[in-house]
Amino acid sequence: MKKSTAHHQVLLCRPNHFRVDYQINPWMQVGSVDPQKALAQWNNLVSQYQKLGLEVEIIEQNEKYPDMVFAADQGLLLGDRSILLSNFKHPERRGEGEFYHNWYLDHGYKVTPLTQDLYLEGGGELQRWRNYLIIGLGFRTDLRSAQKIAKVFDKEVLYLELDKQQFYHLDTCLMALNKDVVFYHREAFSASSVRELQSKVPHLIEIDDTEVANFAANSVVVGSTVVMQEGNSHLARQVEGFGYRVVTVDVREFMKAGGGVHCLTGDLGGLTQSDSASQKQRQ
């Protein structure tokens, strides 16, 4: 079988040692995880990605680092086979980077580290949208770090201030569907950041309290398909109204640690947004 190109790859970490041992965000429920359920949910997510035509690369989890399963947080693509490696703010997660660093190198990636005084938590904190980088500030990334990261990418930046502890990462409260449509939870952001989004985004659509708490924003766009946590029927109907197909999965065991579908999914070039679907009007 012909191997897929890097433009159709994602990276996931097999959750053989997933658990919640500590609390570094308000969602975390210590001692609450059912390991067998978590592995079954992860296997289903892998299967759904494979059905969508993505090649799923897998890194094995080190038993010392239960949050290592959240592959989105580990780094950002700078270009084809080039990774900007993350630095974690909390000491509980800092050891994860060594294993991802080694995996990237072993698989032919050029790895660019940050200096230790800068914090970056990968796709959890940063999303590409149009010609911008959207960076969430306040809990895991400060302005100085964000400005230096922006220079690495050489792009214009939307700095958004995260305003509530439960929305510690940008991907807990914002999902860019395509170049015209962004879903967000208004109360997660400062008033000035809401105004900034309103001035830039043609279709800025709110996610309500119930669905944002069900990790609706923590979804993954793969071409004209959106993979999201089950139970977010209102968001699913809205997404379908823009011409996308919705695939639902259950990752509730990982939500007990503050992570959802997007958090589990490292982007190696497969998470592309569909401009053609964005041209369709809502029904």
Protein backbone atom coordinates (compact mmCIF):
# COMPACT_ATOMS: atom_id res chain seq x y z
CA MET A 1 0.00 0.00 0.00
CA LYS A 2 1.29 3.45 -0.86
CA LYS A 3 2.13 5.45 2.22
CA SER A 4 0.26 8.71 2.75
CA THR A 5 2.14 11.95 2.55
CA ALA A 6 2.93 14.11 5.59
CA HIS A 7 0.10 16.38 4.47
CA HIS A 8 -2.33 13.74 5.68
CA GLN A 9 -0.86 12.76 9.03
CA VAL A 10 -1.78 13.20 12.66
CA LEU A 11 0.08 12.11 15.78
CA LEU A 12 -1.63 10.48 18.76
CA CYS A 13 -0.23 9.04 21.97
CA ARG A 14 -1.45 5.60 23.03
CA PRO A 15 -2.99 6.02 26.53
CA ASN A 16 -1.53 2.95 28.24
CA HIS A 17 -0.80 4.98 31.37
CA PHE A 18 -3.49 7.65 31.29
CA ARG A 19 -4.82 8.80 34.65
CA VAL A 20 -5.41 11.99 36.64
CA ASP A 21 -2.85 12.27 39.46
CA TYR A 22 -2.89 16.04 40.04
CA GLN A 23 -4.89 19.14 39.26
CA ILE A 24 -3.44 21.88 37.09
CA ASN A 25 -6.75 22.95 35.51
CA PRO A 26 -10.29 23.13 36.92
CA TRP A 27 -11.58 20.20 34.84
CA MET A 28 -9.21 17.64 36.35
CA GLN A 29 -10.82 14.95 38.52
CA VAL A 30 -8.09 13.14 40.44
CA GLY A 31 -8.46 9.35 40.45
CA SER A 32 -11.52 9.37 38.21
CA VAL A 33 -10.29 7.69 35.01
CA ASP A 34 -11.34 4.23 33.86
CA PRO A 35 -8.23 3.09 31.92
CA GLN A 36 -10.06 0.49 29.83
CA LYS A 37 -12.72 2.99 28.76
CA ALA A 38 -10.05 5.55 27.93
CA LEU A 39 -8.17 3.10 25.71
CA ALA A 40 -11.39 2.06 23.93
CA GLN A 41 -12.35 5.70 23.33
CA TRP A 42 -8.87 6.47 21.99
CA ASN A 43 -8.93 3.44 19.68
CA ASN A 44 -12.26 4.62 18.29
CA LEU A 45 -10.84 8.10 17.63
CA VAL A 46 -7.90 6.55 15.78
CA SER A 47 -10.33 4.45 13.74
CA GLN A 48 -12.42 7.50 12.81
CA TYR A 49 -9.34 9.37 11.62
CA GLN A 50 -8.26 6.40 9.53
CA LYS A 51 -11.73 6.24 7.95
CA LEU A 52 -11.28 9.90 6.98
CA GLY A 53 -8.10 8.97 5.12
CA LEU A 54 -5.60 10.26 7.65
CA GLU A 55 -2.44 8.35 8.40
CA VAL A 56 -2.27 8.10 12.18
CA GLU A 57 1.22 8.07 13.65
CA ILE A 58 1.46 6.78 17.21
CA ILE A 59 3.84 7.56 20.04
CA GLU A 60 3.90 5.32 23.11
CA GLN A 61 3.16 6.92 26.47
CA ASN A 62 5.74 7.03 29.25
CA GLU A 63 4.19 5.90 32.53
CA LYS A 64 5.54 8.90 34.47
CA TYR A 65 3.55 11.42 32.42
CA PRO A 66 -0.24 10.88 32.40
CA ASP A 67 -0.92 14.05 30.34
CA MET A 68 1.45 12.94 27.59
CA VAL A 69 -1.66 11.68 25.75
CA PHE A 70 -2.52 15.27 24.76
CA ALA A 71 -0.43 15.34 21.61
CA ALA A 72 -1.77 18.69 20.35
CA ASP A 73 0.07 20.46 23.15
CA GLN A 74 3.52 19.17 22.26
CA GLY A 75 4.56 21.34 19.33
CA LEU A 76 3.61 23.32 16.25
CA LEU A 77 4.39 22.79 12.60
CA LEU A 78 6.74 25.44 11.25
CA GLY A 79 6.76 23.92 7.79
CA ASP A 80 7.01 20.54 6.13
CA ARG A 81 8.69 18.21 8.65
CA SER A 82 9.73 21.05 10.95
CA ILE A 83 8.43 21.35 14.52
CA LEU A 84 8.56 24.14 17.10
CA LEU A 85 8.74 22.18 20.36
CA SER A 86 6.63 23.24 23.33
CA ASN A 87 7.69 24.29 26.82
CA PHE A 88 5.11 23.61 29.53
CA LYS A 89 4.37 26.05 32.31
CA HIS A 90 3.57 23.45 34.97
CA PRO A 91 6.40 21.20 36.18
CA GLU A 92 4.10 18.16 36.09
CA ARG A 93 4.19 18.24 32.27
CA ARG A 94 7.71 19.39 31.51
CA GLY A 95 9.14 15.90 31.12
CA GLU A 96 6.78 15.03 28.26
CA GLY A 97 8.74 17.07 25.72
CA GLU A 98 11.79 14.79 25.77
CA PHE A 99 9.79 11.87 24.42
CA TYR A 100 8.12 13.91 21.68
CA HIS A 101 11.44 15.53 20.81
CA ASN A 102 12.97 12.09 20.30
CA TRP A 103 9.97 10.86 18.31
CA TYR A 104 10.11 13.85 15.96
CA LEU A 105 13.84 13.39 15.38
CA ASP A 106 13.48 9.64 14.83
CA HIS A 107 10.82 10.33 12.19
CA GLY A 108 12.86 12.81 10.21
CA TYR A 109 11.62 16.11 11.61
CA LYS A 110 13.75 19.14 12.28
CA VAL A 111 13.03 20.24 15.86
CA THR A 112 13.36 23.86 17.00
CA PRO A 113 13.37 24.26 20.80
CA LEU A 114 12.44 27.39 22.70
CA THR A 115 14.53 28.93 25.45
CA GLN A 116 13.41 27.76 28.88
CA ASP A 117 12.03 31.16 29.89
CA LEU A 118 9.34 30.95 27.19
CA TYR A 119 6.13 28.98 27.55
CA LEU A 120 4.32 27.44 24.60
CA GLU A 121 1.73 24.66 24.79
CA GLY A 122 1.38 23.89 21.12
CA GLY A 123 -1.99 23.69 19.44
CA GLY A 124 -3.68 24.16 22.77
CA GLU A 125 -2.71 27.84 22.70
CA LEU A 126 -2.35 28.69 19.03
CA GLN A 127 -4.56 28.33 15.97
CA ARG A 128 -3.89 29.38 12.40
CA TRP A 129 -6.68 31.36 10.79
CA ARG A 130 -6.44 33.14 7.43
CA ASN A 131 -3.06 34.86 7.52
CA TYR A 132 -3.14 35.23 11.29
CA LEU A 133 -1.97 33.31 14.29
CA ILE A 134 -4.56 33.37 17.05
CA ILE A 135 -2.82 33.02 20.42
CA GLY A 136 -4.55 32.63 23.77
CA LEU A 137 -2.96 34.59 26.61
CA GLY A 138 -3.37 34.63 30.35
CA PHE A 139 -2.85 31.22 31.91
CA ARG A 140 -0.24 29.18 30.01
CA THR A 141 1.26 31.80 27.67
CA ASP A 142 2.19 35.41 28.45
CA LEU A 143 2.45 38.28 25.98
CA ARG A 144 6.25 38.26 25.85
CA SER A 145 6.34 34.57 24.94
CA ALA A 146 3.56 35.01 22.38
CA GLN A 147 5.37 37.89 20.69
CA LYS A 148 8.55 35.84 20.33
CA ILE A 149 6.60 32.86 19.00
CA ALA A 150 4.92 35.14 16.46
CA LYS A 151 8.33 36.24 15.18
CA VAL A 152 9.25 32.61 14.54
CA PHE A 153 6.18 32.21 12.32
CA ASP A 154 6.48 35.72 10.83
CA LYS A 155 2.72 36.25 10.78
CA GLU A 156 0.28 38.83 12.04
CA VAL A 157 -1.16 37.83 15.40
CA LEU A 158 -4.50 38.11 17.15
CA TYR A 159 -3.71 38.13 20.84
CA LEU A 160 -6.77 37.00 22.79
CA GLU A 161 -6.93 37.29 26.56
CA LEU A 162 -8.43 34.23 28.23
CA ASP A 163 -10.52 35.40 31.14
CA LYS A 164 -11.59 32.30 33.12
CA GLN A 165 -9.56 29.51 34.68
CA GLN A 166 -11.52 26.69 33.03
CA PHE A 167 -10.57 28.07 29.62
CA TYR A 168 -6.85 27.78 30.23
CA HIS A 169 -6.14 26.88 26.59
CA LEU A 170 -7.52 28.54 23.48
CA ASP A 171 -8.83 25.23 22.11
CA THR A 172 -11.22 24.88 25.06
CA CYS A 173 -13.23 27.90 23.88
CA LEU A 174 -12.50 28.68 20.20
CA MET A 175 -12.67 26.66 16.98
CA ALA A 176 -11.90 28.15 13.58
CA LEU A 177 -14.09 26.25 11.12
CA ASN A 178 -12.77 27.98 8.00
CA LYS A 179 -11.63 31.39 6.75
CA ASP A 180 -15.06 32.95 7.35
CA VAL A 181 -16.50 31.09 10.34
CA VAL A 182 -15.19 30.93 13.90
CA PHE A 183 -17.05 29.44 16.86
CA TYR A 184 -16.21 30.74 20.32
CA HIS A 185 -17.48 31.03 23.90
CA ARG A 186 -17.87 34.73 24.55
CA GLU A 187 -17.48 34.56 28.33
CA ALA A 188 -14.07 32.90 28.02
CA PHE A 189 -12.52 36.12 26.68
CA SER A 190 -11.94 39.64 27.89
CA ALA A 191 -14.23 42.32 26.48
CA SER A 192 -11.42 43.77 24.37
CA SER A 193 -10.66 40.35 22.88
CA VAL A 194 -14.33 39.85 21.99
CA ARG A 195 -14.28 43.19 20.17
CA GLU A 196 -11.12 42.14 18.34
CA LEU A 197 -12.76 38.94 17.14
CA GLN A 198 -15.92 40.78 16.14
CA SER A 199 -13.89 43.20 14.02
CA LYS A 200 -12.00 40.43 12.18
CA VAL A 201 -14.31 37.42 11.76
CA PRO A 202 -17.14 37.58 9.18
CA HIS A 203 -19.21 34.90 10.95
CA LEU A 204 -18.40 34.78 14.66
CA ILE A 205 -20.78 32.36 16.36
CA GLU A 206 -21.20 31.73 20.08
CA ILE A 207 -21.01 28.33 21.76
CA ASP A 208 -23.32 28.17 24.76
CA ASP A 209 -22.42 27.27 28.35
CA THR A 210 -23.65 23.70 28.14
CA GLU A 211 -21.83 22.72 24.98
CA VAL A 212 -18.58 24.52 25.77
CA ALA A 213 -18.53 22.51 29.03
CA ASN A 214 -18.96 19.41 26.86
CA PHE A 215 -15.77 20.40 24.99
CA ALA A 216 -17.61 21.42 21.83
CA ALA A 217 -14.88 23.89 20.88
CA ASN A 218 -12.27 21.15 21.26
CA SER A 219 -13.14 19.71 17.86
CA VAL A 220 -10.96 18.88 14.87
CA VAL A 221 -11.55 20.06 11.31
CA VAL A 222 -10.35 17.58 8.67
CA GLY A 223 -11.15 18.99 5.24
CA SER A 224 -14.93 19.19 5.05
CA THR A 225 -15.49 16.98 8.12
CA VAL A 226 -15.54 18.02 11.77
CA VAL A 227 -14.79 15.44 14.47
CA MET A 228 -16.37 16.43 17.78
CA GLN A 229 -17.38 15.11 21.18
CA GLU A 230 -20.82 13.51 21.13
CA GLY A 231 -23.69 15.39 22.76
CA ASN A 232 -23.11 18.77 21.09
CA SER A 233 -26.15 18.65 18.84
CA HIS A 234 -26.62 22.43 18.49
CA LEU A 235 -23.05 23.02 17.33
CA ALA A 236 -23.26 19.98 15.06
CA ARG A 237 -26.34 21.39 13.30
CA GLN A 238 -24.64 24.76 12.87
CA VAL A 239 -21.51 23.16 11.41
CA GLU A 240 -23.60 21.05 9.04
CA GLY A 241 -25.38 24.22 7.94
CA PHE A 242 -22.08 25.45 6.53
CA GLY A 243 -21.75 22.35 4.37
CA TYR A 244 -19.62 20.18 6.64
CA ARG A 245 -20.15 16.61 7.76
CA VAL A 246 -19.97 15.92 11.51
CA VAL A 247 -18.47 12.77 13.02
CA THR A 248 -19.08 12.36 16.74
CA VAL A 249 -16.93 10.40 19.17
CA ASP A 250 -16.90 9.85 22.91
CA VAL A 251 -13.72 10.97 24.72
CA ARG A 252 -15.28 11.62 28.12
CA GLU A 253 -12.51 9.84 30.01
CA PHE A 254 -10.02 12.38 28.67
CA MET A 255 -12.34 15.27 29.49
CA LYS A 256 -11.79 14.29 33.15
CA ALA A 257 -8.26 15.67 32.66
CA GLY A 258 -9.36 18.77 30.77
CA GLY A 259 -8.76 17.47 27.25
CA GLY A 260 -10.96 16.57 24.29
CA VAL A 261 -10.71 15.52 20.66
CA HIS A 262 -8.45 18.39 19.63
CA CYS A 263 -6.16 17.99 22.64
CA LEU A 264 -5.55 14.34 21.73
CA THR A 265 -4.61 15.15 18.13
CA GLY A 266 -1.19 16.35 17.10
CA ASP A 267 -1.11 18.09 13.73
CA LEU A 268 1.50 16.76 11.33
CA GLY A 269 -0.17 18.42 8.38
CA GLY A 270 -3.54 16.70 8.18
CA LEU A 271 -5.83 19.18 9.86
CA THR A 272 -6.79 21.24 6.83
CA GLN A 273 -9.83 23.47 6.61
CA SER A 274 -12.06 23.31 3.56
CA ASP A 275 -12.51 26.59 1.73
CA SER A 276 -15.05 25.01 -0.61
CA ALA A 277 -17.30 24.06 2.27
CA SER A 278 -17.00 27.56 3.67
CA GLN A 279 -18.70 28.92 0.56
CA LYS A 280 -21.96 27.19 1.41
CA GLN A 281 -24.56 29.16 3.30
CA ARG A 282 -26.19 27.94 6.46
CA GLN A 283 -29.46 26.18 5.90
